[in-house]
PDB file of N, CA and C in Angstrom:
ATOM      1  N   MET A   1       2.161 -15.002  -7.049  1.00  0.00           N
ATOM      2  CA  MET A   1       1.247 -15.138  -5.955  1.00  0.00           C
ATOM      3  C   MET A   1       0.686 -13.767  -5.628  1.00  0.00           C
ATOM      4  N   SER A   2      -0.616 -13.656  -5.431  1.00  0.00           N
ATOM      5  CA  SER A   2      -1.182 -12.365  -5.077  1.00  0.00           C
ATOM      6  C   SER A   2      -1.799 -12.433  -3.691  1.00  0.00           C
ATOM      7  N   THR A   3      -1.808 -11.287  -3.026  1.00  0.00           N
ATOM      8  CA  THR A   3      -2.418 -11.175  -1.711  1.00  0.00           C
ATOM      9  C   THR A   3      -3.306  -9.955  -1.733  1.00  0.00           C
ATOM     10  N   THR A   4      -4.254  -9.888  -0.799  1.00  0.00           N
ATOM     11  CA  THR A   4      -5.122  -8.723  -0.742  1.00  0.00           C
ATOM     12  C   THR A   4      -4.957  -8.028   0.587  1.00  0.00           C
ATOM     13  N   GLY A   5      -5.212  -6.757   0.582  1.00  0.00           N
ATOM     14  CA  GLY A   5      -5.158  -5.961   1.794  1.00  0.00           C
ATOM     15  C   GLY A   5      -5.906  -4.673   1.540  1.00  0.00           C
ATOM     16  N   ALA A   6      -6.182  -3.921   2.587  1.00  0.00           N
ATOM     17  CA  ALA A   6      -6.883  -2.650   2.427  1.00  0.00           C
ATOM     18  C   ALA A   6      -6.426  -1.681   3.487  1.00  0.00           C
ATOM     19  N   ALA A   7      -6.432  -0.418   3.135  1.00  0.00           N
ATOM     20  CA  ALA A   7      -6.198   0.644   4.108  1.00  0.00           C
ATOM     21  C   ALA A   7      -7.384   1.569   4.010  1.00  0.00           C
ATOM     22  N   ARG A   8      -7.992   1.889   5.127  1.00  0.00           N
ATOM     23  CA  ARG A   8      -9.213   2.678   5.117  1.00  0.00           C
ATOM     24  C   ARG A   8      -9.153   3.702   6.233  1.00  0.00           C
ATOM     25  N   ALA A   9      -9.658   4.897   5.975  1.00  0.00           N
ATOM     26  CA  ALA A   9      -9.739   5.944   6.996  1.00  0.00           C
ATOM     27  C   ALA A   9     -11.205   6.169   7.339  1.00  0.00           C
ATOM     28  N   LYS A  10     -11.539   6.132   8.620  1.00  0.00           N
ATOM     29  CA  LYS A  10     -12.891   6.364   9.090  1.00  0.00           C
ATOM     30  C   LYS A  10     -12.856   7.484  10.106  1.00  0.00           C
ATOM     31  N   GLU A  11     -14.047   7.993  10.451  1.00  0.00           N
ATOM     32  CA  GLU A  11     -14.111   9.048  11.437  1.00  0.00           C
ATOM     33  C   GLU A  11     -14.114   8.486  12.847  1.00  0.00           C
ATOM     34  N   THR A  12     -14.251   7.186  13.020  1.00  0.00           N
ATOM     35  CA  THR A  12     -14.176   6.599  14.344  1.00  0.00           C
ATOM     36  C   THR A  12     -12.725   6.628  14.805  1.00  0.00           C
ATOM     37  N   THR A  13     -12.507   6.259  16.052  1.00  0.00           N
ATOM     38  CA  THR A  13     -11.147   6.285  16.578  1.00  0.00           C
ATOM     39  C   THR A  13     -10.330   5.167  15.944  1.00  0.00           C
ATOM     40  N   LEU A  14      -9.364   5.568  15.165  1.00  0.00           N
ATOM     41  CA  LEU A  14      -8.489   4.623  14.480  1.00  0.00           C
ATOM     42  C   LEU A  14      -7.047   5.026  14.736  1.00  0.00           C
ATOM     43  N   ALA A  15      -6.169   4.103  14.463  1.00  0.00           N
ATOM     44  CA  ALA A  15      -4.739   4.380  14.608  1.00  0.00           C
ATOM     45  C   ALA A  15      -4.322   5.518  13.688  1.00  0.00           C
ATOM     46  N   ARG A  16      -3.313   6.251  14.107  1.00  0.00           N
ATOM     47  CA  ARG A  16      -2.788   7.329  13.270  1.00  0.00           C
ATOM     48  C   ARG A  16      -1.858   6.794  12.198  1.00  0.00           C
ATOM     49  N   SER A  17      -1.369   5.564  12.380  1.00  0.00           N
ATOM     50  CA  SER A  17      -0.503   4.994  11.354  1.00  0.00           C
ATOM     51  C   SER A  17      -0.593   3.476  11.364  1.00  0.00           C
ATOM     52  N   ALA A  18      -0.196   2.909  10.241  1.00  0.00           N
ATOM     53  CA  ALA A  18      -0.099   1.461  10.085  1.00  0.00           C
ATOM     54  C   ALA A  18       1.106   1.185   9.211  1.00  0.00           C
ATOM     55  N   THR A  19       1.760   0.065   9.452  1.00  0.00           N
ATOM     56  CA  THR A  19       2.930  -0.306   8.666  1.00  0.00           C
ATOM     57  C   THR A  19       2.660  -1.605   7.919  1.00  0.00           C
ATOM     58  N   ILE A  20       2.927  -1.576   6.632  1.00  0.00           N
ATOM     59  CA  ILE A  20       2.866  -2.775   5.794  1.00  0.00           C
ATOM     60  C   ILE A  20       4.305  -3.115   5.443  1.00  0.00           C
ATOM     61  N   SER A  21       4.776  -4.253   5.935  1.00  0.00           N
ATOM     62  CA  SER A  21       6.147  -4.691   5.668  1.00  0.00           C
ATOM     63  C   SER A  21       6.177  -5.535   4.402  1.00  0.00           C
ATOM     64  N   ILE A  22       7.203  -5.324   3.596  1.00  0.00           N
ATOM     65  CA  ILE A  22       7.399  -6.100   2.368  1.00  0.00           C
ATOM     66  C   ILE A  22       8.638  -6.963   2.558  1.00  0.00           C
ATOM     67  N   ARG A  23       8.439  -8.295   2.495  1.00  0.00           N
ATOM     68  CA  ARG A  23       9.536  -9.240   2.604  1.00  0.00           C
ATOM     69  C   ARG A  23       9.351 -10.275   1.511  1.00  0.00           C
ATOM     70  N   LYS A  24      10.379 -10.460   0.681  1.00  0.00           N
ATOM     71  CA  LYS A  24      10.304 -11.364  -0.476  1.00  0.00           C
ATOM     72  C   LYS A  24       9.122 -10.983  -1.369  1.00  0.00           C
ATOM     73  N   GLN A  25       8.906  -9.695  -1.529  1.00  0.00           N
ATOM     74  CA  GLN A  25       7.881  -9.090  -2.366  1.00  0.00           C
ATOM     75  C   GLN A  25       6.464  -9.284  -1.832  1.00  0.00           C
ATOM     76  N   GLU A  26       6.287  -9.858  -0.655  1.00  0.00           N
ATOM     77  CA  GLU A  26       4.974 -10.119  -0.082  1.00  0.00           C
ATOM     78  C   GLU A  26       4.623  -9.081   0.978  1.00  0.00           C
ATOM     79  N   PRO A  27       3.449  -8.418   0.856  1.00  0.00           N
ATOM     80  CA  PRO A  27       3.029  -7.467   1.874  1.00  0.00           C
ATOM     81  C   PRO A  27       2.494  -8.174   3.121  1.00  0.00           C
ATOM     82  N   SER A  28       2.777  -7.599   4.292  1.00  0.00           N
ATOM     83  CA  SER A  28       2.275  -8.121   5.563  1.00  0.00           C
ATOM     84  C   SER A  28       2.009  -6.932   6.480  1.00  0.00           C
ATOM     85  N   PRO A  29       0.843  -6.801   7.077  1.00  0.00           N
ATOM     86  CA  PRO A  29      -0.214  -7.799   7.119  1.00  0.00           C
ATOM     87  C   PRO A  29      -0.990  -7.862   5.800  1.00  0.00           C
ATOM     88  N   ARG A  30      -1.627  -9.001   5.621  1.00  0.00           N
ATOM     89  CA  ARG A  30      -2.534  -9.176   4.491  1.00  0.00           C
ATOM     90  C   ARG A  30      -3.921  -8.825   5.005  1.00  0.00           C
ATOM     91  N   GLY A  31      -4.714  -8.199   4.195  1.00  0.00           N
ATOM     92  CA  GLY A  31      -6.053  -7.789   4.616  1.00  0.00           C
ATOM     93  C   GLY A  31      -6.119  -6.289   4.800  1.00  0.00           C
ATOM     94  N   LYS A  32      -7.204  -5.831   5.436  1.00  0.00           N
ATOM     95  CA  LYS A  32      -7.427  -4.400   5.597  1.00  0.00           C
ATOM     96  C   LYS A  32      -6.451  -3.757   6.559  1.00  0.00           C
ATOM     97  N   VAL A  33      -6.088  -2.537   6.226  1.00  0.00           N
ATOM     98  CA  VAL A  33      -5.317  -1.673   7.102  1.00  0.00           C
ATOM     99  C   VAL A  33      -6.106  -0.376   7.171  1.00  0.00           C
ATOM    100  N   GLU A  34      -6.501   0.030   8.372  1.00  0.00           N
ATOM    101  CA  GLU A  34      -7.304   1.237   8.520  1.00  0.00           C
ATOM    102  C   GLU A  34      -6.573   2.254   9.380  1.00  0.00           C
ATOM    103  N   VAL A  35      -6.635   3.510   8.957  1.00  0.00           N
ATOM    104  CA  VAL A  35      -6.019   4.605   9.710  1.00  0.00           C
ATOM    105  C   VAL A  35      -6.977   5.793   9.730  1.00  0.00           C
ATOM    106  N   ALA A  36      -6.759   6.706  10.671  1.00  0.00           N
ATOM    107  CA  ALA A  36      -7.592   7.892  10.811  1.00  0.00           C
ATOM    108  C   ALA A  36      -7.422   8.815   9.609  1.00  0.00           C
ATOM    109  N   PRO A  37      -8.525   9.439   9.134  1.00  0.00           N
ATOM    110  CA  PRO A  37      -8.395  10.369   8.014  1.00  0.00           C
ATOM    111  C   PRO A  37      -7.638  11.624   8.419  1.00  0.00           C
ATOM    112  N   TRP A  38      -6.983  12.224   7.447  1.00  0.00           N
ATOM    113  CA  TRP A  38      -6.225  13.473   7.540  1.00  0.00           C
ATOM    114  C   TRP A  38      -4.943  13.325   8.339  1.00  0.00           C
ATOM    115  N   THR A  39      -4.948  12.599   9.448  1.00  0.00           N
ATOM    116  CA  THR A  39      -3.715  12.406  10.203  1.00  0.00           C
ATOM    117  C   THR A  39      -3.113  11.038   9.934  1.00  0.00           C
ATOM    118  N   GLY A  40      -3.869  10.167   9.276  1.00  0.00           N
ATOM    119  CA  GLY A  40      -3.447   8.788   9.065  1.00  0.00           C
ATOM    120  C   GLY A  40      -2.358   8.629   8.028  1.00  0.00           C
ATOM    121  N   ARG A  41      -1.463   7.708   8.329  1.00  0.00           N
ATOM    122  CA  ARG A  41      -0.360   7.401   7.421  1.00  0.00           C
ATOM    123  C   ARG A  41      -0.219   5.885   7.299  1.00  0.00           C
ATOM    124  N   VAL A  42       0.045   5.435   6.084  1.00  0.00           N
ATOM    125  CA  VAL A  42       0.354   4.023   5.858  1.00  0.00           C
ATOM    126  C   VAL A  42       1.802   3.975   5.392  1.00  0.00           C
ATOM    127  N   HIS A  43       2.628   3.284   6.184  1.00  0.00           N
ATOM    128  CA  HIS A  43       4.050   3.146   5.881  1.00  0.00           C
ATOM    129  C   HIS A  43       4.271   1.814   5.175  1.00  0.00           C
ATOM    130  N   PHE A  44       4.943   1.843   4.050  1.00  0.00           N
ATOM    131  CA  PHE A  44       5.346   0.637   3.331  1.00  0.00           C
ATOM    132  C   PHE A  44       6.837   0.463   3.594  1.00  0.00           C
ATOM    133  N   MET A  45       7.195  -0.572   4.364  1.00  0.00           N
ATOM    134  CA  MET A  45       8.575  -0.811   4.778  1.00  0.00           C
ATOM    135  C   MET A  45       9.146  -1.985   3.978  1.00  0.00           C
ATOM    136  N   ASN A  46      10.207  -1.690   3.210  1.00  0.00           N
ATOM    137  CA  ASN A  46      10.861  -2.721   2.410  1.00  0.00           C
ATOM    138  C   ASN A  46      11.957  -3.383   3.246  1.00  0.00           C
ATOM    139  N   LYS A  47      11.780  -4.654   3.578  1.00  0.00           N
ATOM    140  CA  LYS A  47      12.754  -5.403   4.374  1.00  0.00           C
ATOM    141  C   LYS A  47      13.807  -6.083   3.504  1.00  0.00           C
ATOM    142  N   ASP A  48      13.614  -6.054   2.192  1.00  0.00           N
ATOM    143  CA  ASP A  48      14.510  -6.747   1.269  1.00  0.00           C
ATOM    144  C   ASP A  48      15.675  -5.865   0.827  1.00  0.00           C
ATOM    145  N   LYS A  49      16.674  -6.526   0.216  1.00  0.00           N
ATOM    146  CA  LYS A  49      17.863  -5.823  -0.287  1.00  0.00           C
ATOM    147  C   LYS A  49      17.722  -5.427  -1.751  1.00  0.00           C
ATOM    148  N   LYS A  50      16.477  -5.363  -2.251  1.00  0.00           N
ATOM    149  CA  LYS A  50      16.264  -4.917  -3.627  1.00  0.00           C
ATOM    150  C   LYS A  50      15.093  -3.955  -3.672  1.00  0.00           C
ATOM    151  N   ASP A  51      15.137  -3.081  -4.675  1.00  0.00           N
ATOM    152  CA  ASP A  51      14.076  -2.093  -4.869  1.00  0.00           C
ATOM    153  C   ASP A  51      12.810  -2.769  -5.379  1.00  0.00           C
ATOM    154  N   TYR A  52      11.660  -2.165  -5.051  1.00  0.00           N
ATOM    155  CA  TYR A  52      10.375  -2.566  -5.606  1.00  0.00           C
ATOM    156  C   TYR A  52       9.658  -1.325  -6.114  1.00  0.00           C
ATOM    157  N   ARG A  53       8.658  -1.583  -6.914  1.00  0.00           N
ATOM    158  CA  ARG A  53       7.790  -0.533  -7.417  1.00  0.00           C
ATOM    159  C   ARG A  53       6.432  -0.733  -6.762  1.00  0.00           C
ATOM    160  N   LEU A  54       5.932   0.297  -6.045  1.00  0.00           N
ATOM    161  CA  LEU A  54       4.576   0.262  -5.503  1.00  0.00           C
ATOM    162  C   LEU A  54       3.657   0.900  -6.527  1.00  0.00           C
ATOM    163  N   ARG A  55       2.603   0.206  -6.907  1.00  0.00           N
ATOM    164  CA  ARG A  55       1.621   0.766  -7.841  1.00  0.00           C
ATOM    165  C   ARG A  55       0.315   0.962  -7.082  1.00  0.00           C
ATOM    166  N   PHE A  56      -0.232   2.176  -7.127  1.00  0.00           N
ATOM    167  CA  PHE A  56      -1.488   2.517  -6.476  1.00  0.00           C
ATOM    168  C   PHE A  56      -2.516   2.864  -7.538  1.00  0.00           C
ATOM    169  N   TRP A  57      -3.747   2.330  -7.382  1.00  0.00           N
ATOM    170  CA  TRP A  57      -4.823   2.638  -8.313  1.00  0.00           C
ATOM    171  C   TRP A  57      -6.160   2.606  -7.590  1.00  0.00           C
ATOM    172  N   LYS A  58      -7.139   3.293  -8.178  1.00  0.00           N
ATOM    173  CA  LYS A  58      -8.485   3.382  -7.615  1.00  0.00           C
ATOM    174  C   LYS A  58      -9.246   2.081  -7.843  1.00  0.00           C
ATOM    175  N   PRO A  59     -10.156   1.736  -6.912  1.00  0.00           N
ATOM    176  CA  PRO A  59     -10.993   0.555  -7.117  1.00  0.00           C
ATOM    177  C   PRO A  59     -11.784   0.680  -8.420  1.00  0.00           C
ATOM    178  N   ASP A  60     -12.100  -0.445  -9.004  1.00  0.00           N
ATOM    179  CA  ASP A  60     -12.868  -0.524 -10.251  1.00  0.00           C
ATOM    180  C   ASP A  60     -12.164   0.125 -11.431  1.00  0.00           C
ATOM    181  N   THR A  61     -10.832   0.213 -11.348  1.00  0.00           N
ATOM    182  CA  THR A  61     -10.036   0.678 -12.486  1.00  0.00           C
ATOM    183  C   THR A  61      -8.934  -0.347 -12.720  1.00  0.00           C
ATOM    184  N   GLU A  62      -8.297  -0.250 -13.845  1.00  0.00           N
ATOM    185  CA  GLU A  62      -7.194  -1.148 -14.172  1.00  0.00           C
ATOM    186  C   GLU A  62      -5.917  -0.692 -13.466  1.00  0.00           C
ATOM    187  N   PRO A  63      -5.093  -1.638 -13.007  1.00  0.00           N
ATOM    188  CA  PRO A  63      -3.837  -1.269 -12.346  1.00  0.00           C
ATOM    189  C   PRO A  63      -2.951  -0.355 -13.196  1.00  0.00           C
ATOM    190  N   LEU A  64      -2.976  -0.512 -14.502  1.00  0.00           N
ATOM    191  CA  LEU A  64      -2.126   0.326 -15.364  1.00  0.00           C
ATOM    192  C   LEU A  64      -2.567   1.792 -15.391  1.00  0.00           C
ATOM    193  N   THR A  65      -3.751   2.099 -14.845  1.00  0.00           N
ATOM    194  CA  THR A  65      -4.202   3.493 -14.774  1.00  0.00           C
ATOM    195  C   THR A  65      -3.644   4.197 -13.542  1.00  0.00           C
ATOM    196  N   GLY A  66      -2.964   3.459 -12.686  1.00  0.00           N
ATOM    197  CA  GLY A  66      -2.454   4.022 -11.435  1.00  0.00           C
ATOM    198  C   GLY A  66      -1.105   4.701 -11.575  1.00  0.00           C
ATOM    199  N   ILE A  67      -0.510   4.958 -10.428  1.00  0.00           N
ATOM    200  CA  ILE A  67       0.786   5.625 -10.361  1.00  0.00           C
ATOM    201  C   ILE A  67       1.790   4.673  -9.703  1.00  0.00           C
ATOM    202  N   ASP A  68       3.029   4.695 -10.182  1.00  0.00           N
ATOM    203  CA  ASP A  68       4.097   3.870  -9.623  1.00  0.00           C
ATOM    204  C   ASP A  68       5.042   4.735  -8.801  1.00  0.00           C
ATOM    205  N   ILE A  69       5.426   4.217  -7.633  1.00  0.00           N
ATOM    206  CA  ILE A  69       6.353   4.913  -6.743  1.00  0.00           C
ATOM    207  C   ILE A  69       7.461   3.935  -6.367  1.00  0.00           C
ATOM    208  N   LEU A  70       8.692   4.385  -6.392  1.00  0.00           N
ATOM    209  CA  LEU A  70       9.837   3.545  -6.032  1.00  0.00           C
ATOM    210  C   LEU A  70       9.858   3.310  -4.525  1.00  0.00           C
ATOM    211  N   LEU A  71       9.983   2.036  -4.125  1.00  0.00           N
ATOM    212  CA  LEU A  71      10.206   1.651  -2.731  1.00  0.00           C
ATOM    213  C   LEU A  71      11.638   1.115  -2.656  1.00  0.00           C
ATOM    214  N   PRO A  72      12.588   1.960  -2.248  1.00  0.00           N
ATOM    215  CA  PRO A  72      13.994   1.552  -2.238  1.00  0.00           C
ATOM    216  C   PRO A  72      14.268   0.392  -1.279  1.00  0.00           C
ATOM    217  N   ALA A  73      15.320  -0.361  -1.571  1.00  0.00           N
ATOM    218  CA  ALA A  73      15.753  -1.465  -0.716  1.00  0.00           C
ATOM    219  C   ALA A  73      16.011  -0.963   0.702  1.00  0.00           C
ATOM    220  N   LYS A  74      15.578  -1.758   1.689  1.00  0.00           N
ATOM    221  CA  LYS A  74      15.812  -1.442   3.105  1.00  0.00           C
ATOM    222  C   LYS A  74      15.365  -0.029   3.466  1.00  0.00           C
ATOM    223  N   SER A  75      14.248   0.405   2.892  1.00  0.00           N
ATOM    224  CA  SER A  75      13.760   1.759   3.120  1.00  0.00           C
ATOM    225  C   SER A  75      12.246   1.731   3.239  1.00  0.00           C
ATOM    226  N   ARG A  76      11.620   2.924   3.307  1.00  0.00           N
ATOM    227  CA  ARG A  76      10.161   2.980   3.389  1.00  0.00           C
ATOM    228  C   ARG A  76       9.609   4.160   2.617  1.00  0.00           C
ATOM    229  N   VAL A  77       8.323   4.030   2.281  1.00  0.00           N
ATOM    230  CA  VAL A  77       7.538   5.084   1.657  1.00  0.00           C
ATOM    231  C   VAL A  77       6.300   5.255   2.521  1.00  0.00           C
ATOM    232  N   THR A  78       5.897   6.501   2.755  1.00  0.00           N
ATOM    233  CA  THR A  78       4.719   6.776   3.567  1.00  0.00           C
ATOM    234  C   THR A  78       3.651   7.442   2.705  1.00  0.00           C
ATOM    235  N   VAL A  79       2.422   6.929   2.821  1.00  0.00           N
ATOM    236  CA  VAL A  79       1.271   7.480   2.112  1.00  0.00           C
ATOM    237  C   VAL A  79       0.358   8.116   3.147  1.00  0.00           C
ATOM    238  N   MET A  80      -0.015   9.372   2.925  1.00  0.00           N
ATOM    239  CA  MET A  80      -0.937  10.062   3.828  1.00  0.00           C
ATOM    240  C   MET A  80      -2.364   9.844   3.334  1.00  0.00           C
ATOM    241  N   ILE A  81      -3.272   9.592   4.281  1.00  0.00           N
ATOM    242  CA  ILE A  81      -4.652   9.248   3.962  1.00  0.00           C
ATOM    243  C   ILE A  81      -5.576  10.398   4.347  1.00  0.00           C
ATOM    244  N   LYS A  82      -6.484  10.757   3.426  1.00  0.00           N
ATOM    245  CA  LYS A  82      -7.500  11.754   3.751  1.00  0.00           C
ATOM    246  C   LYS A  82      -8.871  11.081   3.731  1.00  0.00           C
ATOM    247  N   LYS A  83      -9.870  11.758   4.263  1.00  0.00           N
ATOM    248  CA  LYS A  83     -11.211  11.196   4.326  1.00  0.00           C
ATOM    249  C   LYS A  83     -11.680  10.812   2.922  1.00  0.00           C
ATOM    250  N   GLY A  84     -12.197   9.609   2.808  1.00  0.00           N
ATOM    251  CA  GLY A  84     -12.708   9.137   1.528  1.00  0.00           C
ATOM    252  C   GLY A  84     -11.684   8.439   0.649  1.00  0.00           C
ATOM    253  N   ASP A  85     -10.416   8.453   1.040  1.00  0.00           N
ATOM    254  CA  ASP A  85      -9.390   7.774   0.235  1.00  0.00           C
ATOM    255  C   ASP A  85      -9.636   6.274   0.213  1.00  0.00           C
ATOM    256  N   GLU A  86      -9.467   5.711  -0.947  1.00  0.00           N
ATOM    257  CA  GLU A  86      -9.511   4.259  -1.107  1.00  0.00           C
ATOM    258  C   GLU A  86      -8.624   3.913  -2.280  1.00  0.00           C
ATOM    259  N   PHE A  87      -7.761   2.929  -2.101  1.00  0.00           N
ATOM    260  CA  PHE A  87      -6.888   2.532  -3.189  1.00  0.00           C
ATOM    261  C   PHE A  87      -6.476   1.086  -3.051  1.00  0.00           C
ATOM    262  N   HIS A  88      -6.102   0.510  -4.168  1.00  0.00           N
ATOM    263  CA  HIS A  88      -5.482  -0.805  -4.229  1.00  0.00           C
ATOM    264  C   HIS A  88      -4.005  -0.565  -4.489  1.00  0.00           C
ATOM    265  N   TYR A  89      -3.192  -1.530  -4.124  1.00  0.00           N
ATOM    266  CA  TYR A  89      -1.769  -1.385  -4.416  1.00  0.00           C
ATOM    267  C   TYR A  89      -1.193  -2.729  -4.815  1.00  0.00           C
ATOM    268  N   GLY A  90      -0.088  -2.660  -5.530  1.00  0.00           N
ATOM    269  CA  GLY A  90       0.657  -3.851  -5.904  1.00  0.00           C
ATOM    270  C   GLY A  90       2.130  -3.617  -5.650  1.00  0.00           C
ATOM    271  N   VAL A  91       2.829  -4.684  -5.302  1.00  0.00           N
ATOM    272  CA  VAL A  91       4.279  -4.628  -5.088  1.00  0.00           C
ATOM    273  C   VAL A  91       4.915  -5.324  -6.284  1.00  0.00           C
ATOM    274  N   PHE A  92       5.596  -4.545  -7.126  1.00  0.00           N
ATOM    275  CA  PHE A  92       6.154  -5.039  -8.372  1.00  0.00           C
ATOM    276  C   PHE A  92       7.678  -5.004  -8.336  1.00  0.00           C
ATOM    277  N   HIS A  93       8.299  -5.890  -9.123  1.00  0.00           N
ATOM    278  CA  HIS A  93       9.724  -5.753  -9.378  1.00  0.00           C
ATOM    279  C   HIS A  93       9.912  -4.443 -10.134  1.00  0.00           C
ATOM    280  N   THR A  94      11.084  -3.862 -10.074  1.00  0.00           N
ATOM    281  CA  THR A  94      11.305  -2.607 -10.797  1.00  0.00           C
ATOM    282  C   THR A  94      11.318  -2.827 -12.307  1.00  0.00           C
ATOM    283  N   LYS A  95      11.542  -4.069 -12.742  1.00  0.00           N
ATOM    284  CA  LYS A  95      11.453  -4.415 -14.159  1.00  0.00           C
ATOM    285  C   LYS A  95      10.369  -5.471 -14.304  1.00  0.00           C
ATOM    286  N   GLY A  96       9.425  -5.247 -15.205  1.00  0.00           N
ATOM    287  CA  GLY A  96       8.349  -6.203 -15.429  1.00  0.00           C
ATOM    288  C   GLY A  96       7.136  -5.895 -14.580  1.00  0.00           C
ATOM    289  N   ASP A  97       6.103  -6.748 -14.682  1.00  0.00           N
ATOM    290  CA  ASP A  97       4.839  -6.505 -13.991  1.00  0.00           C
ATOM    291  C   ASP A  97       4.398  -7.644 -13.090  1.00  0.00           C
ATOM    292  N   GLU A  98       5.276  -8.526 -12.653  1.00  0.00           N
ATOM    293  CA  GLU A  98       4.911  -9.583 -11.713  1.00  0.00           C
ATOM    294  C   GLU A  98       4.736  -8.950 -10.341  1.00  0.00           C
ATOM    295  N   ALA A  99       3.560  -9.170  -9.714  1.00  0.00           N
ATOM    296  CA  ALA A  99       3.261  -8.414  -8.485  1.00  0.00           C
ATOM    297  C   ALA A  99       2.603  -9.250  -7.412  1.00  0.00           C
ATOM    298  N   ALA A 100       2.722  -8.772  -6.182  1.00  0.00           N
ATOM    299  CA  ALA A 100       1.893  -9.208  -5.063  1.00  0.00           C
ATOM    300  C   ALA A 100       0.903  -8.065  -4.846  1.00  0.00           C
ATOM    301  N   LEU A 101      -0.403  -8.353  -4.925  1.00  0.00           N
ATOM    302  CA  LEU A 101      -1.408  -7.303  -4.927  1.00  0.00           C
ATOM    303  C   LEU A 101      -2.027  -7.101  -3.552  1.00  0.00           C
ATOM    304  N   GLY A 102      -2.536  -5.892  -3.316  1.00  0.00           N
ATOM    305  CA  GLY A 102      -3.219  -5.559  -2.075  1.00  0.00           C
ATOM    306  C   GLY A 102      -4.228  -4.456  -2.294  1.00  0.00           C
ATOM    307  N   LYS A 103      -4.963  -4.084  -1.232  1.00  0.00           N
ATOM    308  CA  LYS A 103      -5.951  -3.015  -1.296  1.00  0.00           C
ATOM    309  C   LYS A 103      -5.678  -2.052  -0.164  1.00  0.00           C
ATOM    310  N   ALA A 104      -6.076  -0.818  -0.353  1.00  0.00           N
ATOM    311  CA  ALA A 104      -6.034   0.173   0.706  1.00  0.00           C
ATOM    312  C   ALA A 104      -7.219   1.099   0.504  1.00  0.00           C
ATOM    313  N   ALA A 105      -7.894   1.486   1.589  1.00  0.00           N
ATOM    314  CA  ALA A 105      -9.128   2.261   1.434  1.00  0.00           C
ATOM    315  C   ALA A 105      -9.356   3.211   2.596  1.00  0.00           C
ATOM    316  N   ALA A 106     -10.179   4.222   2.346  1.00  0.00           N
ATOM    317  CA  ALA A 106     -10.625   5.162   3.369  1.00  0.00           C
ATOM    318  C   ALA A 106     -12.013   5.654   2.976  1.00  0.00           C
ATOM    319  N   PRO A 107     -12.967   5.671   3.912  1.00  0.00           N
ATOM    320  CA  PRO A 107     -14.333   6.097   3.546  1.00  0.00           C
ATOM    321  C   PRO A 107     -14.409   7.559   3.186  1.00  0.00           C
TER     322      PRO A 107
END
């Protein structure tokens, strides 16, 4: 099952942080997540008792061109956003490529 989401940084007044919770490999909230550029952070919080692999890649590129980061069980990873950042992400098992997909962006 795949889901979509986005994180975007704008110069308007936006939150300094947003949290995307992962439960049963599904990201929540689904849809756009926007944070302020330079000070903005997107936290990926793993609520499960197993590790996942977060894969980040640029729009209009293949997911395999991205970078994978370990999201440990019952832990979190924080991504800092700068002006113009835009990325898609997927939540993968640590073995294999079955994923729940999402988007993250910043103008």
